[in-house]
Protein backbone atom coordinates (compact mmCIF):
# COMPACT_ATOMS: atom_id res chain seq x y z
CA MET A 1 82.19 123.33 85.78
CA ARG A 2 84.25 126.46 86.14
CA PRO A 3 84.68 127.90 89.64
CA GLU A 4 82.53 130.98 89.00
CA LYS A 5 79.67 128.85 87.70
CA ALA A 6 80.05 126.40 90.56
CA SER A 7 79.84 129.31 92.99
CA ILE A 8 76.59 130.51 91.40
CA VAL A 9 75.07 127.03 91.62
CA SER A 10 76.21 126.62 95.23
CA ASP A 11 74.69 129.95 96.25
CA LEU A 12 71.46 129.10 94.48
CA SER A 13 71.31 125.69 96.12
CA GLU A 14 71.77 127.25 99.55
CA LYS A 15 68.87 129.65 98.94
CA LEU A 16 66.66 126.86 97.65
CA ASN A 17 67.32 124.88 100.83
CA ARG A 18 66.26 127.84 102.98
CA SER A 19 63.18 128.70 100.96
CA PRO A 20 60.02 126.64 101.55
CA PHE A 21 58.89 127.37 98.00
CA LEU A 22 60.14 128.04 94.49
CA LEU A 23 58.02 129.76 91.86
CA VAL A 24 59.30 129.68 88.29
CA THR A 25 58.12 132.41 85.90
CA ASP A 26 58.75 133.44 82.32
CA TYR A 27 61.18 136.36 82.18
CA LYS A 28 60.56 137.02 78.50
CA GLN A 29 59.61 140.63 77.57
CA MET A 30 60.11 141.89 81.13
CA LYS A 31 61.76 145.31 81.13
CA VAL A 32 64.22 146.56 83.69
CA ASP A 33 61.74 148.91 85.36
CA GLN A 34 59.10 146.19 85.49
CA PHE A 35 61.59 143.81 87.04
CA GLY A 36 62.36 146.44 89.67
CA GLU A 37 58.64 146.92 90.31
CA LEU A 38 58.17 143.20 90.91
CA ARG A 39 61.17 143.14 93.24
CA ASN A 40 59.73 146.03 95.25
CA ARG A 41 56.36 144.34 95.57
CA LEU A 42 57.89 141.06 96.73
CA ALA A 43 60.22 142.54 99.33
CA PRO A 44 57.53 143.19 102.02
CA ALA A 45 56.46 139.53 101.69
CA GLY A 46 60.03 138.39 102.41
CA ALA A 47 60.60 137.15 98.84
CA GLU A 48 63.02 137.94 96.04
CA VAL A 49 63.10 137.45 92.29
CA ARG A 50 66.19 136.71 90.24
CA VAL A 51 67.02 135.70 86.71
CA VAL A 52 68.85 132.39 86.34
CA LYS A 53 70.06 130.16 83.56
CA ASN A 54 68.02 127.01 83.21
CA SER A 55 71.14 124.83 83.38
CA PHE A 56 72.18 126.43 86.68
CA LEU A 57 68.70 126.04 88.13
CA LYS A 58 68.49 122.37 87.14
CA ARG A 59 71.83 121.68 88.82
CA ALA A 60 70.92 123.64 91.95
CA MET A 61 67.56 121.90 92.27
CA ALA A 62 69.24 118.52 91.94
CA ASP A 63 71.81 119.44 94.59
CA SER A 64 68.98 120.57 96.92
CA GLY A 65 67.05 117.31 96.55
CA MET A 66 64.18 118.96 94.72
CA PRO A 67 62.13 117.13 92.08
CA ASP A 68 63.25 117.12 88.46
CA VAL A 69 61.23 119.67 86.49
CA GLY A 70 63.71 120.05 83.65
CA ASP A 71 61.01 119.81 81.00
CA LYS A 72 59.39 122.96 82.41
CA LEU A 73 62.58 125.00 82.43
CA THR A 74 62.59 126.49 78.97
CA GLY A 75 63.03 129.98 77.60
CA GLN A 76 64.05 132.92 79.79
CA THR A 77 63.48 131.98 83.42
CA ALA A 78 63.10 134.03 86.57
CA ILE A 79 62.58 132.43 89.95
CA VAL A 80 60.91 133.69 93.11
CA MET A 81 62.03 132.45 96.52
CA GLY A 82 61.41 133.52 100.09
CA ASP A 83 61.57 132.60 103.73
CA LYS A 84 57.92 133.18 104.67
CA ASP A 85 54.45 132.05 103.61
CA VAL A 86 53.95 131.35 99.92
CA ALA A 87 50.31 132.55 99.69
CA PRO A 88 51.04 136.32 99.75
CA VAL A 89 53.92 135.82 97.32
CA ALA A 90 51.72 133.87 94.91
CA LYS A 91 49.08 136.60 95.15
CA ILE A 92 51.63 139.34 94.33
CA LEU A 93 52.96 137.38 91.38
CA LYS A 94 49.47 136.62 90.05
CA LEU A 95 48.38 140.29 90.25
CA PHE A 96 51.63 141.45 88.66
CA ALA A 97 51.27 139.03 85.75
CA ALA A 98 47.65 140.12 85.19
CA GLU A 99 48.58 143.81 85.34
CA PHE A 100 51.61 143.78 83.04
CA LYS A 101 50.77 140.69 80.96
CA ILE A 102 54.22 139.28 81.70
CA ALA A 103 55.96 136.97 84.18
CA ALA A 104 53.49 134.14 83.64
CA LEU A 105 53.89 131.37 86.17
CA LYS A 106 55.39 128.16 84.79
CA ILE A 107 55.47 125.90 87.80
CA GLY A 108 55.76 125.90 91.56
CA VAL A 109 57.63 123.70 94.01
CA ILE A 110 56.40 123.92 97.61
CA ASP A 111 58.04 121.86 100.33
CA LYS A 112 59.74 119.92 97.52
CA ALA A 113 56.39 118.95 95.99
CA VAL A 114 55.58 119.99 92.44
CA MET A 115 52.53 122.25 92.14
CA SER A 116 50.73 123.08 88.93
CA THR A 117 49.96 126.62 87.85
CA ALA A 118 46.32 126.13 88.92
CA ASP A 119 47.46 124.94 92.36
CA VAL A 120 49.66 127.98 92.89
CA GLU A 121 46.90 130.33 91.71
CA ALA A 122 44.55 128.66 94.19
CA LEU A 123 47.08 129.41 96.92
CA ALA A 124 47.04 133.03 95.79
CA GLU A 125 43.36 133.22 96.75
CA LEU A 126 44.02 132.13 100.34
CA PRO A 127 44.63 134.61 103.17
CA ALA A 128 48.10 134.84 104.59
CA ARG A 129 49.18 132.16 107.03
CA GLU A 130 49.05 134.61 109.92
CA ILE A 131 45.45 135.54 109.06
CA LEU A 132 44.41 131.90 108.83
CA LEU A 133 45.98 131.19 112.21
CA ALA A 134 44.26 134.23 113.70
CA GLN A 135 40.90 133.08 112.34
CA LEU A 136 41.44 129.62 113.77
CA LEU A 137 42.51 131.07 117.11
CA GLY A 138 39.44 133.31 117.11
CA LEU A 139 37.25 130.25 116.69
CA PHE A 140 38.81 128.56 119.70
CA GLN A 141 38.61 131.75 121.75
CA ALA A 142 34.95 132.31 120.97
CA PRO A 143 32.66 132.48 124.03
CA ALA A 144 32.24 129.06 125.58
CA THR A 145 28.46 129.35 125.35
CA ARG A 146 28.69 129.79 121.59
CA LEU A 147 30.98 126.80 121.19
CA VAL A 148 28.84 124.65 123.49
CA ARG A 149 25.70 125.70 121.64
CA VAL A 150 27.21 124.70 118.32
CA LEU A 151 28.38 121.37 119.68
CA ASN A 152 25.15 120.61 121.54
CA GLU A 153 22.71 121.72 118.87
CA PRO A 154 22.16 118.20 117.44
CA ALA A 155 21.56 116.77 120.93
CA ALA A 156 19.22 119.65 121.82
CA ALA A 157 17.21 119.14 118.66
CA PHE A 158 16.90 115.44 119.42
CA ALA A 159 15.76 116.21 122.96
CA ARG A 160 13.10 118.60 121.66
CA LEU A 161 11.90 115.92 119.27
CA LEU A 162 11.56 113.39 122.08
CA LYS A 163 9.70 115.90 124.26
CA ALA A 164 7.28 116.75 121.47
CA LYS A 165 6.68 113.07 120.85
CA GLY A 166 6.05 112.47 124.57
CA ASP A 167 3.60 115.40 124.80
CA LYS A 168 1.72 114.08 121.81
CA GLU A 169 1.43 110.61 123.31
CA LYS A 170 0.17 112.10 126.60
CA SER A 171 -2.53 114.11 124.80
CA VAL A 172 -3.68 111.08 122.84
CA ALA A 173 -3.78 108.70 125.84
CA PRO A 174 -6.77 110.32 127.74
CA ALA A 175 -8.87 110.35 124.59
CA GLU A 176 -8.22 106.66 124.02
CA ALA A 177 -8.98 105.94 127.68
CA LYS A 178 -12.38 107.64 127.37
CA LYS A 179 -13.15 105.59 124.30
CA GLU A 180 -12.36 102.41 126.23
CA GLU A 181 -14.51 103.44 129.23
CA ALA A 182 -17.59 104.14 127.08
CA PRO A 183 -18.81 100.75 125.75
CA ALA A 184 -20.05 100.54 122.25
CA PRO A 185 -23.84 100.41 121.76
CA ALA A 186 -23.81 96.78 120.72
CA GLU A 187 -21.65 95.81 123.67
CA ALA A 188 -23.89 97.79 126.05
CA ALA A 189 -26.93 95.98 124.77
CA ALA A 190 -25.24 92.65 125.21
CA GLU A 191 -24.20 93.38 128.78
CA ALA A 192 -27.60 94.83 129.90
CA PRO A 193 -29.74 92.51 132.13
CA VAL A 194 -32.74 90.80 130.57
CA VAL A 195 -36.07 92.16 131.91
CA PRO A 196 -38.89 89.60 131.93
CA THR A 197 -41.92 90.46 129.82
CA ALA A 198 -45.38 88.99 129.40
CA GLU A 199 -44.26 87.16 126.32
CA ALA A 200 -41.43 85.61 128.22
CA PRO A 201 -42.73 84.68 131.69
CA VAL A 202 -40.33 83.72 134.29
CA ASP A 203 -40.80 80.20 135.73
CA ALA A 204 -42.26 80.51 139.21
CA PRO A 205 -41.90 77.86 141.91
CA ALA A 206 -44.73 75.30 142.03
CA ALA A 207 -47.57 76.21 144.42
CA THR A 208 -48.09 73.86 147.41
CA GLU A 209 -51.46 72.09 147.67
CA SER A 210 -53.48 73.21 150.72
CA LYS A 211 -55.19 70.55 152.81
CA PRO A 212 -58.95 70.93 153.57
CA GLU A 213 -59.65 72.20 156.99
CA GLU A 214 -60.85 69.54 159.43
CA PRO A 215 -64.23 70.20 160.99
CA SER A 216 -64.06 71.30 164.48
CA ALA A 217 -65.61 69.16 167.20
């Protein structure tokens, strides 16, 4: 490889090593002013876009230890790199492609892992990393009573269930006790004492025979 080409590949490899992501787009039909518009939109997100030859990009990716995606590198290629979060960059690129009907995303490589077009578009729907961290921090900084209430809600519900069950058992117990204290009619008749009647005389003790009185002298 000639020195000038080797220098281009070396510079590209260095940038790929610094960037946590690489988004590959189709440069076909993109005009100069549109390319400038995309560059201006990406700059606030800490990203840049540049046109590269597929052969140079393949070599630079190999030198940077990135996966081989040579089969995806066809046609006129532009790449997007940056030193910040990929989500805002993916969102900018997605909106730009929808607005101008150009710069369609081919493939993404994030942390040296290949991402499909659908995966990168899903990232475009996420808030920025800073916003996600702020939301998470807000959850942890929520009032302690709110956090405790959320954590204790299952236990509180279970306690209420046990209390309701206990109250129900207490209300049922006196009623059952009254039923047990009042004997059933048949049982009351069985336990009542037998009163003797004329038809059923009670055996009396035998009467003692009286002796005739002796005449007095």
